[in-house]
Amino acid sequence: MLKQFGQVDGAPVFEATLTNPAGAEAKIISWGASLRDLRVPHGGASQRVVLGLNTIEDYVAHSPHMGAVAGRFANRLGNARFAIDGVTYEVPANAGRASLHGGGKGFGKRPWKLGAHEPGRIELRLHSPAGDAGYPGALDVTCVYTLVGAATLRIELTATTDAPTIVNLATHSYFNLDGSADVRDHELQLFSAFMTPVDEDLVPTGEVRAVAGTPFDFRAPRALRHPSGQSYDNNFLVARWPDAQTRLAHVATLRSRANGLAMQLHSTEPAVQLYDAAKLAVPVAGLGGARYGAHAGVCLEPQNVPDAPNRRHFPNAILRPGETYAQTTEYRFG
């Protein structure tokens, strides 16, 4: 089902509702290619599992990338700059000295165009011209949401360019599997033995550090709550044991201790950002009238390593003409 969700600067914003026979339902809006709502069957009922807002005005004014696709380069670029083939490019600094999620007006904060759609699938497209926010190369991006099986949401992101540029896209939903006001009692397991420490701007220092014996060790399932009461906004390197057919590796499992619902995250990406939403403070009501304060949801964002273009030992983030950036992520509930 497709309907108009509102408009921004006179341009319409649409919402597509995806459904499947098992009773799963996803609502996608063309603003930021955002997942606005997701409900999955559980215990004979329907359970909402993400945070979302009620109007396009709320998204424009208050959304902290809620459910959006972040880019052109998701997460942080140190000193808001990078170099390709000896040429340095500067982009907007909107997080201290760093550039975050494209510099303040990135892909998650603009309208996408609708493509093909059917009951369980929707395609969205975005054209980012050369020079957009300082990035070289014109970029064409496609995002496809698909409900798979009984309770899996698949997100496929692809991009092509006409000149060398950098690309790092990330899905940015805030998950809450039981509707509680604080998700820190959710149980998390991360298939990661290493993380990347950060500086005061939350930009990786370049070090790769083992999680063993630290508060960042989620290799065995445990509560999301930080042992010393601090918060998490950290990037972890994924242990790669991908499925031979899908190329997806099991990145994480999140489970509600209250209702037993679990979510497995599988992705092609080499890293995942864990953000426990410590700074979340949305001044308007969310879905079902819920109020979203600190720790109301948790983000598990598959992506490349932050600041990868500025660190030679991090995975390549440069996309060149003739190549295709391709990311697939699945959120599997049960």
Protein backbone atom coordinates (compact mmCIF):
# COMPACT_ATOMS: atom_id res chain seq x y z
CA MET A 1 0.00 0.00 0.00
CA LEU A 2 1.29 3.45 -0.94
CA LYS A 3 0.11 6.82 0.41
CA GLN A 4 1.36 10.36 0.79
CA PHE A 5 2.92 10.91 4.22
CA GLY A 6 3.26 14.68 3.85
CA GLN A 7 5.49 17.09 2.00
CA VAL A 8 8.78 18.94 2.46
CA ASP A 9 9.33 22.24 0.66
CA GLY A 10 6.31 21.48 -1.52
CA ALA A 11 7.61 18.05 -2.61
CA PRO A 12 5.56 15.00 -1.58
CA VAL A 13 6.91 12.40 0.83
CA PHE A 14 5.39 8.93 0.45
CA GLU A 15 4.93 5.98 2.76
CA ALA A 16 4.87 2.38 1.56
CA THR A 17 3.47 -0.39 3.77
CA LEU A 18 4.99 -3.81 3.19
CA THR A 19 3.16 -6.92 4.39
CA ASN A 20 3.51 -10.68 4.21
CA PRO A 21 1.17 -13.62 4.91
CA ALA A 22 2.81 -14.32 8.29
CA GLY A 23 1.67 -10.94 9.62
CA ALA A 24 4.89 -8.92 9.47
CA GLU A 25 4.48 -5.27 8.47
CA ALA A 26 7.04 -2.60 7.60
CA LYS A 27 6.36 1.07 6.87
CA ILE A 28 8.95 2.88 4.75
CA ILE A 29 8.93 6.60 4.04
CA SER A 30 10.77 8.25 1.17
CA TRP A 31 12.31 10.86 3.53
CA GLY A 32 15.78 9.42 4.13
CA ALA A 33 14.56 6.03 2.81
CA SER A 34 13.57 5.55 6.46
CA LEU A 35 12.09 2.51 8.15
CA ARG A 36 9.31 4.25 10.10
CA ASP A 37 7.71 1.19 11.70
CA LEU A 38 8.27 -2.56 11.83
CA ARG A 39 6.01 -5.11 13.45
CA VAL A 40 6.70 -8.86 13.56
CA PRO A 41 4.59 -11.80 14.70
CA HIS A 42 5.48 -13.00 18.20
CA GLY A 43 3.59 -15.07 20.73
CA GLY A 44 0.38 -14.97 18.76
CA ALA A 45 0.43 -11.18 18.54
CA SER A 46 2.20 -8.39 16.66
CA GLN A 47 5.25 -6.79 18.30
CA ARG A 48 6.62 -3.38 17.29
CA VAL A 49 10.44 -3.55 17.21
CA VAL A 50 11.66 -0.09 16.09
CA LEU A 51 11.21 3.53 17.14
CA GLY A 52 9.45 5.88 14.75
CA LEU A 53 7.68 9.23 14.50
CA ASN A 54 4.16 10.20 13.45
CA THR A 55 4.50 13.07 10.97
CA ILE A 56 6.93 14.28 8.35
CA GLU A 57 7.25 17.52 10.31
CA ASP A 58 8.50 15.50 13.30
CA TYR A 59 11.06 13.73 11.12
CA VAL A 60 12.41 16.96 9.63
CA ALA A 61 12.59 18.74 12.99
CA HIS A 62 13.44 16.00 15.48
CA SER A 63 14.61 12.72 13.93
CA PRO A 64 18.12 11.58 14.96
CA HIS A 65 18.44 9.59 11.70
CA MET A 66 15.63 7.39 13.04
CA GLY A 67 15.38 4.44 10.63
CA ALA A 68 17.19 6.36 7.89
CA VAL A 69 19.93 5.40 5.45
CA ALA A 70 22.97 7.49 6.41
CA GLY A 71 25.49 8.63 3.77
CA ARG A 72 27.29 9.62 1.57
CA PHE A 73 29.78 8.60 4.22
CA ALA A 74 28.01 7.31 7.33
CA ASN A 75 29.55 7.78 10.77
CA ARG A 76 32.59 10.03 11.14
CA LEU A 77 35.35 11.44 8.98
CA GLY A 78 38.19 12.89 11.04
CA ASN A 79 38.86 16.61 10.53
CA ALA A 80 36.02 16.57 7.96
CA ARG A 81 38.37 15.73 5.13
CA PHE A 82 39.77 12.85 3.08
CA ALA A 83 42.01 12.35 0.05
CA ILE A 84 41.64 10.35 -3.17
CA ASP A 85 44.58 9.90 -5.54
CA GLY A 86 46.46 12.75 -3.87
CA VAL A 87 43.60 15.25 -3.98
CA THR A 88 42.17 16.41 -0.64
CA TYR A 89 38.44 17.08 -0.25
CA GLU A 90 36.77 18.94 2.61
CA VAL A 91 33.21 18.23 3.77
CA PRO A 92 31.01 19.91 6.39
CA ALA A 93 32.07 19.48 10.03
CA ASN A 94 28.95 18.89 12.11
CA ALA A 95 30.30 16.81 15.03
CA GLY A 96 33.11 18.77 16.60
CA ARG A 97 35.95 18.71 14.08
CA ALA A 98 34.47 15.66 12.36
CA SER A 99 31.88 15.18 9.66
CA LEU A 100 29.03 12.87 10.71
CA HIS A 101 26.58 11.04 8.40
CA GLY A 102 27.34 13.22 5.38
CA GLY A 103 27.75 16.54 7.14
CA GLY A 104 24.30 17.47 8.45
CA LYS A 105 22.27 17.27 5.24
CA GLY A 106 23.22 13.77 4.17
CA PHE A 107 21.20 11.01 2.56
CA GLY A 108 19.13 10.42 5.70
CA LYS A 109 17.79 13.98 5.66
CA ARG A 110 16.50 14.37 2.12
CA PRO A 111 13.75 12.88 -0.07
CA TRP A 112 14.38 9.76 -2.15
CA LYS A 113 12.39 8.79 -5.24
CA LEU A 114 10.13 5.75 -5.26
CA GLY A 115 10.90 2.93 -7.66
CA ALA A 116 9.15 -0.40 -8.19
CA HIS A 117 6.96 -1.56 -5.34
CA GLU A 118 4.82 -4.59 -4.50
CA PRO A 119 3.22 -5.93 -1.28
CA GLY A 120 6.47 -7.16 0.26
CA ARG A 121 9.09 -5.04 -1.49
CA ILE A 122 9.88 -1.37 -2.17
CA GLU A 123 12.70 0.27 -4.11
CA LEU A 124 13.94 3.82 -3.49
CA ARG A 125 16.50 5.82 -5.45
CA LEU A 126 18.67 8.86 -4.82
CA HIS A 127 20.93 10.91 -7.09
CA SER A 128 23.75 12.80 -5.38
CA PRO A 129 25.45 15.19 -7.83
CA ALA A 130 29.18 15.77 -8.01
CA GLY A 131 30.21 18.29 -5.36
CA ASP A 132 27.26 17.43 -3.11
CA ALA A 133 28.44 18.42 0.40
CA GLY A 134 31.96 18.53 -1.01
CA TYR A 135 32.08 14.92 -2.20
CA PRO A 136 33.49 14.27 -5.68
CA GLY A 137 31.66 12.23 -8.29
CA ALA A 138 27.97 11.94 -9.07
CA LEU A 139 26.51 9.02 -7.13
CA ASP A 140 23.38 7.01 -7.92
CA VAL A 141 22.06 5.02 -4.96
CA THR A 142 19.36 2.36 -4.73
CA CYS A 143 17.79 1.06 -1.53
CA VAL A 144 15.52 -2.00 -1.57
CA TYR A 145 13.48 -3.15 1.44
CA THR A 146 12.04 -6.68 1.29
CA LEU A 147 10.08 -8.74 3.78
CA VAL A 148 11.48 -12.27 3.56
CA GLY A 149 9.93 -15.40 5.06
CA ALA A 150 7.92 -15.02 8.25
CA ALA A 151 9.84 -12.24 9.99
CA THR A 152 12.98 -11.04 8.19
CA LEU A 153 13.58 -7.56 6.84
CA ARG A 154 16.25 -7.42 4.14
CA ILE A 155 17.85 -4.11 3.13
CA GLU A 156 19.95 -3.97 -0.03
CA LEU A 157 22.00 -0.86 -0.81
CA THR A 158 23.87 -0.30 -4.07
CA ALA A 159 25.65 2.68 -5.59
CA THR A 160 27.58 3.63 -8.72
CA THR A 161 29.66 6.72 -9.55
CA ASP A 162 31.04 8.56 -12.56
CA ALA A 163 34.26 9.60 -10.78
CA PRO A 164 36.29 8.29 -7.82
CA THR A 165 34.53 9.04 -4.53
CA ILE A 166 34.05 7.53 -1.07
CA VAL A 167 30.92 5.67 -0.01
CA ASN A 168 29.82 4.23 3.31
CA LEU A 169 26.09 3.68 3.83
CA ALA A 170 24.48 2.56 7.07
CA THR A 171 20.96 1.67 8.15
CA HIS A 172 20.14 3.56 11.35
CA SER A 173 17.09 2.07 13.05
CA TYR A 174 16.62 2.25 16.82
CA PHE A 175 15.51 -1.21 17.99
CA ASN A 176 13.37 -2.01 21.01
CA LEU A 177 12.02 -5.56 21.11
CA ASP A 178 9.51 -5.24 23.96
CA GLY A 179 8.34 -1.61 24.12
CA SER A 180 10.16 -0.86 27.37
CA ALA A 181 11.33 2.67 28.16
CA ASP A 182 14.97 1.53 28.51
CA VAL A 183 16.58 -1.20 26.39
CA ARG A 184 19.70 -1.66 28.50
CA ASP A 185 18.29 -4.85 29.97
CA HIS A 186 18.10 -6.33 26.46
CA GLU A 187 20.70 -9.04 25.98
CA LEU A 188 23.31 -8.48 23.27
CA GLN A 189 25.83 -10.76 21.63
CA LEU A 190 28.35 -9.31 19.16
CA PHE A 191 30.48 -11.61 17.03
CA SER A 192 33.49 -9.36 17.36
CA ALA A 193 36.83 -9.73 19.13
CA PHE A 194 38.10 -6.24 18.26
CA MET A 195 36.91 -2.63 18.37
CA THR A 196 38.31 0.75 17.31
CA PRO A 197 39.02 3.21 20.17
CA VAL A 198 38.08 6.84 19.50
CA ASP A 199 39.25 10.36 20.31
CA GLU A 200 37.22 13.24 21.80
CA ASP A 201 35.32 13.64 18.50
CA LEU A 202 34.46 9.91 18.49
CA VAL A 203 36.77 9.42 15.50
CA PRO A 204 38.86 6.22 15.52
CA THR A 205 42.43 6.81 16.64
CA GLY A 206 43.64 4.14 14.23
CA GLU A 207 44.24 1.57 16.95
CA VAL A 208 42.52 -1.81 16.80
CA ARG A 209 41.99 -3.12 20.33
CA ALA A 210 40.91 -6.54 21.63
CA VAL A 211 37.63 -6.50 23.58
CA ALA A 212 38.65 -9.33 25.94
CA GLY A 213 38.55 -8.23 29.54
CA THR A 214 36.90 -4.87 28.74
CA PRO A 215 33.33 -3.47 28.93
CA PHE A 216 33.23 -3.89 25.13
CA ASP A 217 33.26 -7.68 25.28
CA PHE A 218 29.90 -8.93 24.03
CA ARG A 219 31.20 -12.21 22.62
CA ALA A 220 29.00 -14.02 25.13
CA PRO A 221 25.43 -12.74 25.51
CA ARG A 222 25.00 -10.19 28.29
CA ALA A 223 22.92 -7.18 29.22
CA LEU A 224 23.47 -4.08 27.10
CA ARG A 225 23.91 -1.98 30.24
CA HIS A 226 27.50 -0.69 30.62
CA PRO A 227 29.12 -2.20 33.75
CA SER A 228 30.17 1.25 35.02
CA GLY A 229 27.05 3.13 33.94
CA GLN A 230 28.67 4.76 30.92
CA SER A 231 27.23 4.61 27.41
CA TYR A 232 28.13 2.90 24.14
CA ASP A 233 28.76 4.63 20.83
CA ASN A 234 31.49 2.41 19.44
CA ASN A 235 32.49 0.57 16.30
CA PHE A 236 33.28 -3.14 16.34
CA LEU A 237 35.05 -5.22 13.70
CA VAL A 238 32.97 -8.17 12.55
CA ALA A 239 34.35 -11.70 12.74
CA ARG A 240 33.84 -12.88 9.17
CA TRP A 241 32.26 -16.30 8.77
CA PRO A 242 29.92 -15.50 5.88
CA ASP A 243 27.39 -17.89 4.47
CA ALA A 244 28.74 -19.24 1.17
CA GLN A 245 25.54 -18.43 -0.74
CA THR A 246 24.31 -15.17 0.77
CA ARG A 247 27.75 -13.70 1.68
CA LEU A 248 26.13 -12.57 4.94
CA ALA A 249 27.89 -13.04 8.26
CA HIS A 250 26.12 -13.27 11.62
CA VAL A 251 27.04 -9.93 13.19
CA ALA A 252 24.92 -9.78 16.35
CA THR A 253 21.96 -11.14 18.27
CA LEU A 254 19.73 -8.88 20.36
CA ARG A 255 17.15 -10.44 22.69
CA SER A 256 14.51 -9.10 25.05
CA ARG A 257 14.61 -10.76 28.43
CA ALA A 258 11.06 -9.53 29.03
CA ASN A 259 9.28 -11.29 26.16
CA GLY A 260 11.93 -13.60 24.70
CA LEU A 261 11.87 -12.04 21.22
CA ALA A 262 15.26 -12.14 19.49
CA MET A 263 16.71 -10.35 16.48
CA GLN A 264 19.66 -11.69 14.54
CA LEU A 265 21.65 -9.20 12.46
CA HIS A 266 23.36 -10.61 9.36
CA SER A 267 25.33 -8.41 6.98
CA THR A 268 28.04 -8.15 4.34
CA GLU A 269 29.72 -5.25 6.16
CA PRO A 270 33.10 -5.43 7.94
CA ALA A 271 32.01 -3.41 10.98
CA VAL A 272 29.01 -2.49 13.10
CA GLN A 273 28.37 0.62 15.20
CA LEU A 274 26.73 0.02 18.57
CA TYR A 275 24.89 3.08 19.91
CA ASP A 276 22.76 2.73 23.03
CA ALA A 277 20.97 6.05 22.41
CA ALA A 278 22.22 7.69 25.59
CA LYS A 279 21.62 11.13 24.04
CA LEU A 280 18.16 10.35 22.66
CA ALA A 281 15.61 12.96 23.76
CA VAL A 282 12.79 13.37 21.24
CA PRO A 283 10.43 16.19 22.32
CA VAL A 284 7.39 14.80 20.49
CA ALA A 285 5.44 11.58 20.89
CA GLY A 286 6.55 8.55 18.92
CA LEU A 287 4.64 5.57 17.60
CA GLY A 288 1.71 4.60 19.80
CA GLY A 289 2.22 7.75 21.86
CA ALA A 290 5.53 6.50 23.27
CA ARG A 291 8.06 8.99 24.62
CA TYR A 292 11.64 8.41 23.53
CA GLY A 293 14.21 9.39 26.12
CA ALA A 294 17.74 8.16 26.78
CA HIS A 295 18.24 4.46 25.97
CA ALA A 296 14.74 4.04 24.48
CA GLY A 297 16.31 2.04 21.64
CA VAL A 298 19.59 0.62 20.46
CA CYS A 299 21.24 1.08 17.06
CA LEU A 300 23.21 -1.72 15.42
CA GLU A 301 24.51 -0.12 12.22
CA PRO A 302 26.35 -2.35 9.70
CA GLN A 303 28.94 -0.28 7.81
CA ASN A 304 32.57 0.21 6.91
CA VAL A 305 34.94 1.32 9.66
CA PRO A 306 34.53 5.04 10.53
CA ASP A 307 37.24 7.29 9.08
CA ALA A 308 38.35 4.44 6.80
CA PRO A 309 39.45 6.81 3.98
CA ASN A 310 42.01 8.34 6.33
CA ARG A 311 43.43 5.05 7.65
CA ARG A 312 45.28 2.83 5.22
CA HIS A 313 44.90 -0.27 7.39
CA PHE A 314 41.08 0.07 7.47
CA PRO A 315 38.96 -1.46 4.67
CA ASN A 316 38.83 0.41 1.37
CA ALA A 317 36.02 2.98 1.08
CA ILE A 318 36.79 4.36 -2.39
CA LEU A 319 34.30 3.63 -5.17
CA ARG A 320 35.48 4.08 -8.77
CA PRO A 321 33.65 4.23 -12.10
CA GLY A 322 32.72 0.77 -13.34
CA GLU A 323 32.46 -0.59 -9.79
CA THR A 324 29.30 -1.14 -7.73
CA TYR A 325 29.05 -0.52 -4.02
CA ALA A 326 26.84 -3.29 -2.63
CA GLN A 327 25.65 -3.89 0.93
CA THR A 328 23.06 -6.41 2.13
CA THR A 329 21.74 -6.56 5.68
CA GLU A 330 19.06 -8.79 7.17
CA TYR A 331 17.26 -8.36 10.49
CA ARG A 332 15.83 -11.77 11.37
CA PHE A 333 13.25 -11.98 14.17
CA GLY A 334 12.05 -15.02 16.08
